[in-house]
N, C-alpha and C. Protein backbone atom coordinates (compact mmCIF):
# COMPACT_ATOMS: atom_id res chain seq x y z
N MET A 1 -39.30 6.94 7.09
CA MET A 1 -38.85 7.59 8.20
C MET A 1 -37.34 7.80 8.01
N ASP A 2 -36.84 9.08 8.14
CA ASP A 2 -35.41 9.36 8.16
C ASP A 2 -34.63 8.69 9.16
N ILE A 3 -33.44 8.37 8.94
CA ILE A 3 -32.54 7.90 9.98
C ILE A 3 -31.76 9.04 10.56
N ILE A 4 -31.87 9.20 11.86
CA ILE A 4 -31.19 10.35 12.55
C ILE A 4 -30.19 9.87 13.42
N VAL A 5 -28.87 10.23 13.23
CA VAL A 5 -27.74 9.88 14.01
C VAL A 5 -27.28 11.14 14.71
N LYS A 6 -27.14 11.02 16.08
CA LYS A 6 -26.81 12.26 16.91
C LYS A 6 -25.64 11.89 17.76
N ASN A 7 -24.49 12.70 17.62
CA ASN A 7 -23.37 12.61 18.54
C ASN A 7 -22.84 11.23 18.80
N LEU A 8 -22.70 10.49 17.72
CA LEU A 8 -22.22 9.12 17.78
C LEU A 8 -20.69 9.15 18.04
N CYS A 9 -20.26 8.40 19.03
CA CYS A 9 -18.87 8.10 19.37
C CYS A 9 -18.55 6.70 19.45
N LYS A 10 -17.40 6.29 18.96
CA LYS A 10 -16.94 4.98 19.00
C LYS A 10 -15.35 4.93 18.94
N SER A 11 -14.88 4.19 20.01
CA SER A 11 -13.36 4.09 20.02
C SER A 11 -13.10 2.56 20.14
N TYR A 12 -11.89 2.24 19.59
CA TYR A 12 -11.33 0.91 19.83
C TYR A 12 -9.84 1.13 20.50
N ASP A 13 -9.76 0.58 21.67
CA ASP A 13 -8.45 0.64 22.37
C ASP A 13 -7.93 2.10 22.22
N HIS A 14 -8.60 3.10 22.69
CA HIS A 14 -8.25 4.44 22.78
C HIS A 14 -8.05 5.09 21.48
N ASN A 15 -8.43 4.50 20.36
CA ASN A 15 -8.44 5.03 19.07
C ASN A 15 -9.85 5.40 18.67
N GLN A 16 -10.14 6.71 18.66
CA GLN A 16 -11.51 7.21 18.41
C GLN A 16 -11.66 7.22 16.90
N VAL A 17 -12.71 6.48 16.41
CA VAL A 17 -13.00 6.44 14.90
C VAL A 17 -14.21 7.26 14.64
N LEU A 18 -15.13 7.35 15.64
CA LEU A 18 -16.32 8.33 15.37
C LEU A 18 -16.26 9.23 16.62
N ASN A 19 -16.32 10.61 16.35
CA ASN A 19 -16.20 11.54 17.37
C ASN A 19 -17.39 12.57 17.30
N HIS A 20 -18.50 12.34 18.03
CA HIS A 20 -19.70 13.06 17.98
C HIS A 20 -20.23 13.24 16.52
N PHE A 21 -20.30 12.21 15.79
CA PHE A 21 -20.80 12.25 14.49
C PHE A 21 -22.29 12.34 14.47
N SER A 22 -22.81 13.29 13.68
CA SER A 22 -24.27 13.53 13.54
C SER A 22 -24.65 13.67 12.11
N CYS A 23 -25.77 13.04 11.61
CA CYS A 23 -26.23 13.27 10.27
C CYS A 23 -27.73 12.79 10.17
N THR A 24 -28.28 13.07 9.05
CA THR A 24 -29.68 12.51 8.80
C THR A 24 -29.53 11.83 7.41
N PHE A 25 -30.00 10.53 7.41
CA PHE A 25 -29.99 9.85 6.18
C PHE A 25 -31.57 9.89 5.75
N ARG A 26 -31.80 10.42 4.58
CA ARG A 26 -33.22 10.62 4.12
C ARG A 26 -33.80 9.35 3.74
N GLU A 27 -35.11 9.15 4.08
CA GLU A 27 -35.94 8.05 3.64
C GLU A 27 -36.02 7.98 2.25
N LYS A 28 -35.95 6.75 1.65
CA LYS A 28 -36.20 6.36 0.39
C LYS A 28 -35.16 7.04 -0.59
N LYS A 29 -34.02 7.35 -0.07
CA LYS A 29 -32.90 7.99 -0.90
C LYS A 29 -31.57 7.07 -0.72
N MET A 30 -30.73 7.17 -1.74
CA MET A 30 -29.50 6.49 -1.70
C MET A 30 -28.43 7.41 -1.21
N THR A 31 -27.76 7.10 -0.13
CA THR A 31 -26.69 7.97 0.34
C THR A 31 -25.37 7.21 0.42
N CYS A 32 -24.37 7.86 -0.15
CA CYS A 32 -23.00 7.39 -0.18
C CYS A 32 -22.23 8.03 0.95
N ILE A 33 -21.57 7.27 1.77
CA ILE A 33 -20.69 7.78 2.77
C ILE A 33 -19.29 7.51 2.36
N MET A 34 -18.53 8.60 2.06
CA MET A 34 -17.21 8.41 1.51
C MET A 34 -16.18 8.82 2.68
N GLY A 35 -15.03 8.40 2.48
CA GLY A 35 -13.90 8.78 3.35
C GLY A 35 -12.83 7.73 3.19
N LYS A 36 -11.59 8.09 3.68
CA LYS A 36 -10.32 7.28 3.51
C LYS A 36 -10.53 6.08 4.48
N SER A 37 -9.69 5.02 4.24
CA SER A 37 -9.62 3.88 4.98
C SER A 37 -9.34 4.17 6.48
N GLY A 38 -10.06 3.46 7.30
CA GLY A 38 -9.89 3.68 8.76
C GLY A 38 -10.58 4.86 9.39
N ILE A 39 -11.34 5.56 8.70
CA ILE A 39 -12.04 6.77 9.20
C ILE A 39 -13.22 6.42 10.00
N GLY A 40 -13.87 5.17 9.79
CA GLY A 40 -15.02 4.84 10.66
C GLY A 40 -16.24 4.50 9.80
N LYS A 41 -16.11 4.38 8.50
CA LYS A 41 -17.29 4.18 7.68
C LYS A 41 -17.98 2.91 7.97
N SER A 42 -17.13 1.77 8.06
CA SER A 42 -17.73 0.48 8.24
C SER A 42 -18.27 0.29 9.69
N THR A 43 -17.54 1.03 10.60
CA THR A 43 -18.05 1.07 12.05
C THR A 43 -19.44 1.72 12.14
N LEU A 44 -19.59 2.80 11.39
CA LEU A 44 -20.86 3.53 11.34
C LEU A 44 -21.96 2.58 10.99
N LEU A 45 -21.70 1.80 9.85
CA LEU A 45 -22.72 0.85 9.28
C LEU A 45 -23.00 -0.20 10.41
N SER A 46 -21.93 -0.72 10.98
CA SER A 46 -22.16 -1.70 12.01
C SER A 46 -23.03 -1.29 13.14
N ILE A 47 -22.72 -0.07 13.57
CA ILE A 47 -23.64 0.51 14.68
C ILE A 47 -25.15 0.70 14.11
N LEU A 48 -25.27 1.16 12.90
CA LEU A 48 -26.68 1.33 12.43
C LEU A 48 -27.30 -0.04 12.33
N MET A 49 -26.72 -1.07 12.00
CA MET A 49 -27.23 -2.36 11.95
C MET A 49 -27.41 -3.09 13.24
N GLY A 50 -26.85 -2.45 14.32
CA GLY A 50 -26.90 -3.09 15.65
C GLY A 50 -25.83 -4.15 15.82
N LEU A 51 -24.93 -4.27 15.02
CA LEU A 51 -23.85 -5.27 15.21
C LEU A 51 -22.70 -4.83 16.15
N GLU A 52 -22.66 -3.55 16.35
CA GLU A 52 -21.80 -2.93 17.36
C GLU A 52 -22.49 -1.90 18.09
N LYS A 53 -22.04 -1.55 19.29
CA LYS A 53 -22.70 -0.54 20.16
C LYS A 53 -21.79 0.61 20.17
N ALA A 54 -22.43 1.85 19.99
CA ALA A 54 -21.71 3.03 20.13
C ALA A 54 -21.30 3.35 21.58
N ASP A 55 -20.23 4.07 21.80
CA ASP A 55 -19.78 4.41 23.10
C ASP A 55 -20.85 5.47 23.63
N GLU A 56 -21.20 6.36 22.79
CA GLU A 56 -22.16 7.43 23.09
C GLU A 56 -22.94 7.78 21.89
N GLY A 57 -24.00 8.50 22.01
CA GLY A 57 -24.89 8.94 20.96
C GLY A 57 -26.07 8.05 20.71
N THR A 58 -26.95 8.61 19.74
CA THR A 58 -28.22 7.82 19.47
C THR A 58 -28.37 7.74 18.00
N VAL A 59 -29.18 6.64 17.69
CA VAL A 59 -29.58 6.40 16.34
C VAL A 59 -31.14 6.14 16.31
N SER A 60 -31.88 7.01 15.58
CA SER A 60 -33.34 6.64 15.57
C SER A 60 -33.75 6.60 14.08
N GLY A 61 -34.87 5.94 13.88
CA GLY A 61 -35.37 5.70 12.58
C GLY A 61 -35.14 4.22 12.00
N MET A 62 -34.41 3.48 12.82
CA MET A 62 -34.09 2.12 12.35
C MET A 62 -34.99 1.04 12.98
N GLU A 63 -35.74 1.59 14.01
CA GLU A 63 -36.70 0.63 14.84
C GLU A 63 -37.66 0.06 13.82
N HIS A 64 -37.90 -1.24 14.00
CA HIS A 64 -38.92 -1.96 13.29
C HIS A 64 -38.72 -2.01 11.78
N GLN A 65 -37.42 -1.66 11.36
CA GLN A 65 -37.21 -1.73 9.94
C GLN A 65 -36.49 -3.04 9.63
N LYS A 66 -36.87 -3.56 8.38
CA LYS A 66 -36.18 -4.78 7.98
C LYS A 66 -34.93 -4.33 7.14
N ILE A 67 -33.79 -4.92 7.52
CA ILE A 67 -32.58 -4.43 6.91
C ILE A 67 -31.86 -5.55 6.13
N SER A 68 -31.42 -5.30 5.03
CA SER A 68 -30.63 -6.19 4.29
C SER A 68 -29.19 -5.54 4.07
N ALA A 69 -28.19 -6.44 3.97
CA ALA A 69 -26.84 -5.92 3.94
C ALA A 69 -25.95 -6.64 2.97
N ILE A 70 -25.00 -5.93 2.38
CA ILE A 70 -23.90 -6.43 1.72
C ILE A 70 -22.67 -6.03 2.43
N PHE A 71 -22.12 -7.03 3.07
CA PHE A 71 -20.88 -6.83 3.89
C PHE A 71 -19.59 -6.79 3.06
N GLN A 72 -18.57 -6.35 3.57
CA GLN A 72 -17.20 -6.33 2.94
C GLN A 72 -16.89 -7.71 2.57
N GLU A 73 -17.17 -8.79 3.47
CA GLU A 73 -16.92 -10.20 3.21
C GLU A 73 -18.25 -10.67 2.59
N ASN A 74 -18.17 -11.58 1.67
CA ASN A 74 -19.28 -12.18 0.92
C ASN A 74 -20.18 -13.06 1.86
N ARG A 75 -19.60 -13.71 2.84
CA ARG A 75 -20.35 -14.52 3.77
C ARG A 75 -21.25 -15.50 3.07
N LEU A 76 -20.83 -16.31 2.22
CA LEU A 76 -21.55 -17.33 1.54
C LEU A 76 -21.16 -18.72 2.15
N PHE A 77 -22.21 -19.65 1.92
CA PHE A 77 -21.93 -21.02 2.17
C PHE A 77 -21.11 -21.60 1.00
N GLU A 78 -19.85 -21.85 1.16
CA GLU A 78 -19.01 -22.27 0.05
C GLU A 78 -19.34 -23.58 -0.60
N ASN A 79 -19.96 -24.46 0.22
CA ASN A 79 -20.25 -25.78 -0.34
C ASN A 79 -21.54 -25.84 -1.12
N LEU A 80 -22.31 -24.73 -1.01
CA LEU A 80 -23.63 -24.73 -1.73
C LEU A 80 -23.57 -23.85 -2.94
N ASP A 81 -24.61 -24.08 -3.87
CA ASP A 81 -24.64 -23.39 -5.05
C ASP A 81 -25.24 -21.94 -4.75
N ALA A 82 -25.24 -21.10 -5.79
CA ALA A 82 -25.63 -19.71 -5.59
C ALA A 82 -27.23 -19.72 -5.32
N VAL A 83 -28.01 -20.55 -6.06
CA VAL A 83 -29.43 -20.60 -5.76
C VAL A 83 -29.79 -20.95 -4.35
N THR A 84 -29.09 -21.92 -3.81
CA THR A 84 -29.34 -22.34 -2.52
C THR A 84 -28.93 -21.36 -1.46
N ASN A 85 -27.68 -20.71 -1.68
CA ASN A 85 -27.23 -19.61 -0.80
C ASN A 85 -28.21 -18.53 -0.70
N ILE A 86 -28.90 -18.14 -1.80
CA ILE A 86 -29.91 -17.08 -1.88
C ILE A 86 -31.22 -17.58 -1.22
N HIS A 87 -31.59 -18.72 -1.57
CA HIS A 87 -32.90 -19.30 -1.13
C HIS A 87 -32.88 -19.34 0.34
N ILE A 88 -31.96 -19.88 0.94
CA ILE A 88 -31.78 -19.97 2.49
C ILE A 88 -32.13 -18.79 3.15
N THR A 89 -31.69 -17.73 2.73
CA THR A 89 -31.83 -16.38 3.42
C THR A 89 -32.95 -15.51 2.95
N THR A 90 -33.53 -15.80 1.72
CA THR A 90 -34.56 -14.92 1.25
C THR A 90 -35.96 -15.63 1.16
N GLY A 91 -35.85 -16.96 1.01
CA GLY A 91 -37.08 -17.64 0.82
C GLY A 91 -37.76 -17.57 -0.54
N LYS A 92 -36.98 -16.88 -1.37
CA LYS A 92 -37.54 -16.76 -2.79
C LYS A 92 -37.55 -18.11 -3.51
N THR A 93 -38.40 -18.26 -4.49
CA THR A 93 -38.32 -19.52 -5.30
C THR A 93 -37.14 -19.59 -6.05
N LYS A 94 -36.83 -20.87 -6.45
CA LYS A 94 -35.61 -21.17 -7.27
C LYS A 94 -35.87 -20.49 -8.61
N GLU A 95 -36.99 -20.35 -9.13
CA GLU A 95 -37.28 -19.71 -10.37
C GLU A 95 -36.97 -18.17 -10.29
N GLU A 96 -37.47 -17.57 -9.25
CA GLU A 96 -37.15 -16.12 -9.07
C GLU A 96 -35.63 -15.87 -8.99
N ILE A 97 -34.92 -16.68 -8.17
CA ILE A 97 -33.52 -16.53 -7.95
C ILE A 97 -32.89 -16.73 -9.23
N ALA A 98 -33.26 -17.79 -10.11
CA ALA A 98 -32.59 -18.10 -11.28
C ALA A 98 -32.69 -16.97 -12.27
N GLY A 99 -33.87 -16.31 -12.28
CA GLY A 99 -34.18 -15.16 -13.10
C GLY A 99 -33.17 -13.99 -12.77
N PHE A 100 -33.03 -13.74 -11.54
CA PHE A 100 -32.24 -12.67 -11.10
C PHE A 100 -30.75 -12.98 -11.31
N LEU A 101 -30.35 -14.18 -11.10
CA LEU A 101 -28.90 -14.55 -11.40
C LEU A 101 -28.57 -14.43 -12.85
N LYS A 102 -29.64 -14.63 -13.73
CA LYS A 102 -29.37 -14.35 -15.12
C LYS A 102 -29.06 -12.82 -15.37
N GLU A 103 -29.84 -11.97 -14.70
CA GLU A 103 -29.63 -10.48 -14.76
C GLU A 103 -28.17 -10.23 -14.21
N MET A 104 -27.66 -10.92 -13.24
CA MET A 104 -26.36 -10.81 -12.70
C MET A 104 -25.24 -11.39 -13.52
N GLU A 105 -25.62 -11.99 -14.62
CA GLU A 105 -24.76 -12.87 -15.44
C GLU A 105 -24.08 -13.95 -14.73
N LEU A 106 -24.90 -14.71 -13.97
CA LEU A 106 -24.36 -15.82 -13.19
C LEU A 106 -25.08 -17.11 -13.57
N ASP A 107 -26.06 -17.03 -14.56
CA ASP A 107 -26.93 -18.22 -14.75
C ASP A 107 -26.20 -19.40 -15.25
N ASP A 108 -25.06 -19.28 -15.85
CA ASP A 108 -24.29 -20.44 -16.37
C ASP A 108 -23.60 -21.17 -15.25
N VAL A 109 -23.40 -20.59 -14.15
CA VAL A 109 -22.76 -21.34 -12.99
C VAL A 109 -23.61 -21.48 -11.75
N ALA A 110 -24.88 -21.05 -11.86
CA ALA A 110 -25.75 -21.02 -10.72
C ALA A 110 -25.86 -22.38 -9.95
N GLY A 111 -25.68 -23.43 -10.65
CA GLY A 111 -25.80 -24.77 -10.00
C GLY A 111 -24.61 -25.29 -9.36
N LYS A 112 -23.42 -24.59 -9.57
CA LYS A 112 -22.09 -25.11 -9.02
C LYS A 112 -21.90 -24.58 -7.64
N PRO A 113 -21.13 -25.32 -6.84
CA PRO A 113 -20.80 -24.81 -5.54
C PRO A 113 -20.02 -23.43 -5.67
N VAL A 114 -20.33 -22.48 -4.80
CA VAL A 114 -19.66 -21.18 -4.88
C VAL A 114 -18.17 -21.27 -4.61
N SER A 115 -17.67 -22.36 -4.09
CA SER A 115 -16.25 -22.46 -3.79
C SER A 115 -15.58 -22.54 -5.14
N GLU A 116 -16.26 -22.87 -6.25
CA GLU A 116 -15.65 -22.88 -7.58
C GLU A 116 -15.73 -21.48 -8.28
N TYR A 117 -16.37 -20.53 -7.68
CA TYR A 117 -16.42 -19.27 -8.30
C TYR A 117 -15.23 -18.42 -8.12
N SER A 118 -15.06 -17.38 -9.03
CA SER A 118 -14.06 -16.31 -8.76
C SER A 118 -14.55 -15.39 -7.80
N GLY A 119 -13.65 -14.54 -7.32
CA GLY A 119 -14.03 -13.52 -6.29
C GLY A 119 -15.18 -12.64 -6.72
N GLY A 120 -15.09 -12.17 -7.99
CA GLY A 120 -16.09 -11.29 -8.58
C GLY A 120 -17.44 -12.04 -8.64
N MET A 121 -17.43 -13.27 -9.02
CA MET A 121 -18.65 -14.01 -9.07
C MET A 121 -19.40 -14.18 -7.68
N LYS A 122 -18.48 -14.45 -6.72
CA LYS A 122 -18.95 -14.56 -5.27
C LYS A 122 -19.59 -13.27 -4.85
N ARG A 123 -18.89 -12.11 -5.23
CA ARG A 123 -19.45 -10.83 -4.87
C ARG A 123 -20.87 -10.59 -5.51
N ARG A 124 -21.05 -10.99 -6.72
CA ARG A 124 -22.36 -10.86 -7.31
C ARG A 124 -23.45 -11.67 -6.61
N VAL A 125 -23.13 -12.93 -6.15
CA VAL A 125 -24.07 -13.73 -5.38
C VAL A 125 -24.36 -13.02 -4.08
N ALA A 126 -23.34 -12.49 -3.41
CA ALA A 126 -23.67 -11.84 -2.20
C ALA A 126 -24.57 -10.55 -2.49
N ILE A 127 -24.37 -9.88 -3.57
CA ILE A 127 -25.25 -8.79 -3.89
C ILE A 127 -26.70 -9.16 -4.19
N ALA A 128 -26.79 -10.22 -5.01
CA ALA A 128 -28.08 -10.74 -5.42
C ALA A 128 -28.89 -11.25 -4.12
N ARG A 129 -28.16 -11.94 -3.23
CA ARG A 129 -28.85 -12.36 -2.00
C ARG A 129 -29.35 -11.06 -1.18
N ALA A 130 -28.65 -10.07 -1.12
CA ALA A 130 -29.11 -8.85 -0.33
C ALA A 130 -30.35 -8.20 -1.06
N LEU A 131 -30.21 -8.11 -2.38
CA LEU A 131 -31.25 -7.44 -3.13
C LEU A 131 -32.58 -8.25 -3.13
N LEU A 132 -32.50 -9.57 -3.11
CA LEU A 132 -33.70 -10.41 -3.10
C LEU A 132 -34.34 -10.61 -1.76
N ALA A 133 -33.68 -10.14 -0.77
CA ALA A 133 -34.28 -10.22 0.55
C ALA A 133 -35.37 -9.13 0.71
N GLU A 134 -36.27 -9.34 1.66
CA GLU A 134 -37.23 -8.29 2.01
C GLU A 134 -36.58 -7.35 2.89
N TYR A 135 -36.67 -6.07 2.53
CA TYR A 135 -36.01 -5.02 3.35
C TYR A 135 -36.62 -3.59 3.18
N ASP A 136 -36.46 -2.82 4.14
CA ASP A 136 -36.84 -1.38 4.14
C ASP A 136 -35.58 -0.66 3.89
N ILE A 137 -34.56 -1.05 4.44
CA ILE A 137 -33.17 -0.30 4.41
C ILE A 137 -32.17 -1.30 3.87
N LEU A 138 -31.40 -0.98 2.78
CA LEU A 138 -30.26 -1.70 2.44
C LEU A 138 -29.06 -1.08 2.80
N ILE A 139 -28.01 -1.65 3.46
CA ILE A 139 -26.80 -1.19 3.84
C ILE A 139 -25.68 -1.97 3.10
N MET A 140 -24.89 -1.22 2.42
CA MET A 140 -23.76 -1.89 1.56
C MET A 140 -22.41 -1.31 1.93
N ASP A 141 -21.48 -2.24 2.28
CA ASP A 141 -20.17 -1.87 2.71
C ASP A 141 -19.14 -2.21 1.51
N GLU A 142 -18.72 -1.25 0.77
CA GLU A 142 -17.87 -1.41 -0.36
C GLU A 142 -18.52 -2.40 -1.39
N PRO A 143 -19.73 -2.18 -1.79
CA PRO A 143 -20.56 -3.24 -2.55
C PRO A 143 -19.84 -3.64 -3.95
N LEU A 144 -19.06 -2.85 -4.49
CA LEU A 144 -18.59 -3.24 -5.75
C LEU A 144 -17.13 -3.70 -5.68
N GLN A 145 -16.55 -3.82 -4.57
CA GLN A 145 -15.13 -4.41 -4.46
C GLN A 145 -15.02 -5.75 -5.16
N GLY A 146 -13.90 -5.93 -5.81
CA GLY A 146 -13.53 -7.17 -6.35
C GLY A 146 -14.14 -7.41 -7.79
N LEU A 147 -14.86 -6.34 -8.31
CA LEU A 147 -15.45 -6.39 -9.62
C LEU A 147 -14.65 -5.59 -10.64
N ASP A 148 -14.59 -6.06 -11.82
CA ASP A 148 -13.86 -5.27 -12.83
C ASP A 148 -14.68 -4.08 -13.28
N ALA A 149 -14.08 -3.18 -13.95
CA ALA A 149 -14.70 -1.82 -14.31
C ALA A 149 -16.00 -2.06 -14.97
N GLU A 150 -16.08 -2.89 -16.03
CA GLU A 150 -17.34 -3.15 -16.76
C GLU A 150 -18.41 -3.79 -15.86
N THR A 151 -17.98 -4.74 -15.06
CA THR A 151 -19.01 -5.41 -14.19
C THR A 151 -19.56 -4.52 -13.11
N LYS A 152 -18.69 -3.56 -12.62
CA LYS A 152 -19.09 -2.60 -11.63
C LYS A 152 -20.20 -1.82 -12.17
N GLU A 153 -20.10 -1.27 -13.37
CA GLU A 153 -21.09 -0.45 -13.90
C GLU A 153 -22.40 -1.18 -14.10
N LYS A 154 -22.29 -2.39 -14.59
CA LYS A 154 -23.55 -3.26 -14.81
C LYS A 154 -24.21 -3.56 -13.56
N VAL A 155 -23.42 -4.01 -12.45
CA VAL A 155 -24.04 -4.26 -11.20
C VAL A 155 -24.63 -3.07 -10.54
N ALA A 156 -23.97 -1.92 -10.64
CA ALA A 156 -24.43 -0.73 -10.07
C ALA A 156 -25.74 -0.34 -10.69
N THR A 157 -25.92 -0.58 -11.95
CA THR A 157 -27.22 -0.31 -12.67
C THR A 157 -28.40 -1.24 -12.11
N VAL A 158 -27.99 -2.48 -11.92
CA VAL A 158 -28.98 -3.44 -11.31
C VAL A 158 -29.34 -2.99 -9.91
N ILE A 159 -28.33 -2.62 -9.07
CA ILE A 159 -28.67 -2.17 -7.74
C ILE A 159 -29.53 -0.97 -7.71
N LYS A 160 -29.21 0.01 -8.58
CA LYS A 160 -30.07 1.24 -8.66
C LYS A 160 -31.49 0.91 -9.04
N THR A 161 -31.61 0.02 -10.01
CA THR A 161 -33.08 -0.38 -10.38
C THR A 161 -33.72 -1.10 -9.32
N GLN A 162 -33.11 -2.09 -8.69
CA GLN A 162 -33.83 -2.88 -7.59
C GLN A 162 -34.03 -2.06 -6.33
N THR A 163 -33.32 -1.03 -6.05
CA THR A 163 -33.48 -0.26 -4.77
C THR A 163 -34.33 1.05 -5.04
N ALA A 164 -34.84 1.31 -6.16
CA ALA A 164 -35.56 2.53 -6.37
C ALA A 164 -36.68 2.66 -5.37
N GLY A 165 -36.80 3.77 -4.72
CA GLY A 165 -37.82 3.91 -3.75
C GLY A 165 -37.53 3.39 -2.30
N LYS A 166 -36.29 2.87 -2.21
CA LYS A 166 -35.92 2.29 -0.87
C LYS A 166 -34.80 3.19 -0.25
N THR A 167 -34.64 3.12 1.03
CA THR A 167 -33.56 3.72 1.75
C THR A 167 -32.25 2.95 1.60
N VAL A 168 -31.22 3.50 1.00
CA VAL A 168 -29.93 2.74 0.79
C VAL A 168 -28.77 3.64 1.41
N LEU A 169 -27.98 2.94 2.12
CA LEU A 169 -26.79 3.57 2.70
C LEU A 169 -25.59 2.68 2.32
N PHE A 170 -24.57 3.41 1.75
CA PHE A 170 -23.39 2.59 1.33
C PHE A 170 -22.23 3.39 1.57
N VAL A 171 -21.06 2.62 1.76
CA VAL A 171 -19.77 3.31 1.98
C VAL A 171 -18.79 2.84 0.85
N THR A 172 -17.95 3.84 0.53
CA THR A 172 -16.88 3.54 -0.43
C THR A 172 -15.78 4.62 -0.21
N HIS A 173 -14.67 4.30 -0.62
CA HIS A 173 -13.55 5.27 -0.61
C HIS A 173 -13.32 5.65 -2.15
N ASP A 174 -14.00 5.09 -3.08
CA ASP A 174 -13.86 5.24 -4.52
C ASP A 174 -14.91 6.21 -5.09
N GLU A 175 -14.42 7.37 -5.50
CA GLU A 175 -15.29 8.31 -6.07
C GLU A 175 -16.02 7.92 -7.34
N LYS A 176 -15.32 7.10 -8.12
CA LYS A 176 -16.04 6.49 -9.37
C LYS A 176 -17.17 5.64 -9.06
N GLU A 177 -17.02 4.84 -8.05
CA GLU A 177 -18.09 3.98 -7.54
C GLU A 177 -19.26 4.74 -7.09
N ALA A 178 -19.06 5.86 -6.40
CA ALA A 178 -20.09 6.74 -5.87
C ALA A 178 -20.85 7.32 -7.17
N GLU A 179 -20.08 7.60 -8.17
CA GLU A 179 -20.70 8.16 -9.48
C GLU A 179 -21.64 7.15 -10.05
N PHE A 180 -21.26 5.96 -10.06
CA PHE A 180 -21.98 4.85 -10.68
C PHE A 180 -23.54 4.88 -10.12
N PHE A 181 -23.54 5.06 -8.84
CA PHE A 181 -24.90 5.01 -8.15
C PHE A 181 -25.64 6.30 -8.18
N GLU A 182 -25.03 7.49 -8.56
CA GLU A 182 -25.79 8.70 -8.65
C GLU A 182 -26.48 9.03 -7.22
N ALA A 183 -25.77 8.73 -6.19
CA ALA A 183 -26.32 8.94 -4.83
C ALA A 183 -25.87 10.29 -4.24
N GLU A 184 -26.64 10.74 -3.30
CA GLU A 184 -26.21 11.83 -2.40
C GLU A 184 -25.06 11.41 -1.69
N CYS A 185 -23.88 12.25 -1.65
CA CYS A 185 -22.78 11.77 -1.02
C CYS A 185 -22.34 12.73 0.21
N MET A 186 -21.79 12.10 1.24
CA MET A 186 -21.37 12.87 2.37
C MET A 186 -19.92 12.33 2.62
N GLU A 187 -19.07 13.19 3.18
CA GLU A 187 -17.73 12.69 3.46
C GLU A 187 -17.59 12.65 5.04
N LEU A 188 -17.06 11.46 5.37
CA LEU A 188 -16.67 11.21 6.76
C LEU A 188 -15.23 11.55 7.09
N VAL A 189 -15.02 12.57 7.83
CA VAL A 189 -13.64 13.09 8.14
C VAL A 189 -13.25 12.94 9.57
């Protein structure tokens, strides 16, 4: 089912970030929402996920859908290792998780607390957690932030492979990142 957004409005303290925004996100397609910082990209995702309420407008097509998300913040349990962080939220077996962490080039540190990881390593754990969850729709907010150029390309390839045939919405302000995903792009202005 397509996700249909009609006349969405959202303001913060008299600063309007979404002004009668309308669009359709196609089912089983990857869509990139681009725009400069502060334009409302993350706010739009938060409204779609039900984390924030719009001042006006409607969203349809999200009802009864399982959503997985990669937030701007990694939101990991710092005292736990990568396998446990992912297992807690996905219920996947430790073997399944270990195999996927190898694909994300994290197998050599998988048993260490994530507090010992670099920022880029934590980001890959957050991405792995979202990809291993059961979902119909994947929402990603600046998914490749904090990764070096080579890792961005590798991780984008993993994401594309894992999300084939799924509805994926993501935001970025980086055109090169959008190109990695070969997604349909729209500009939020």
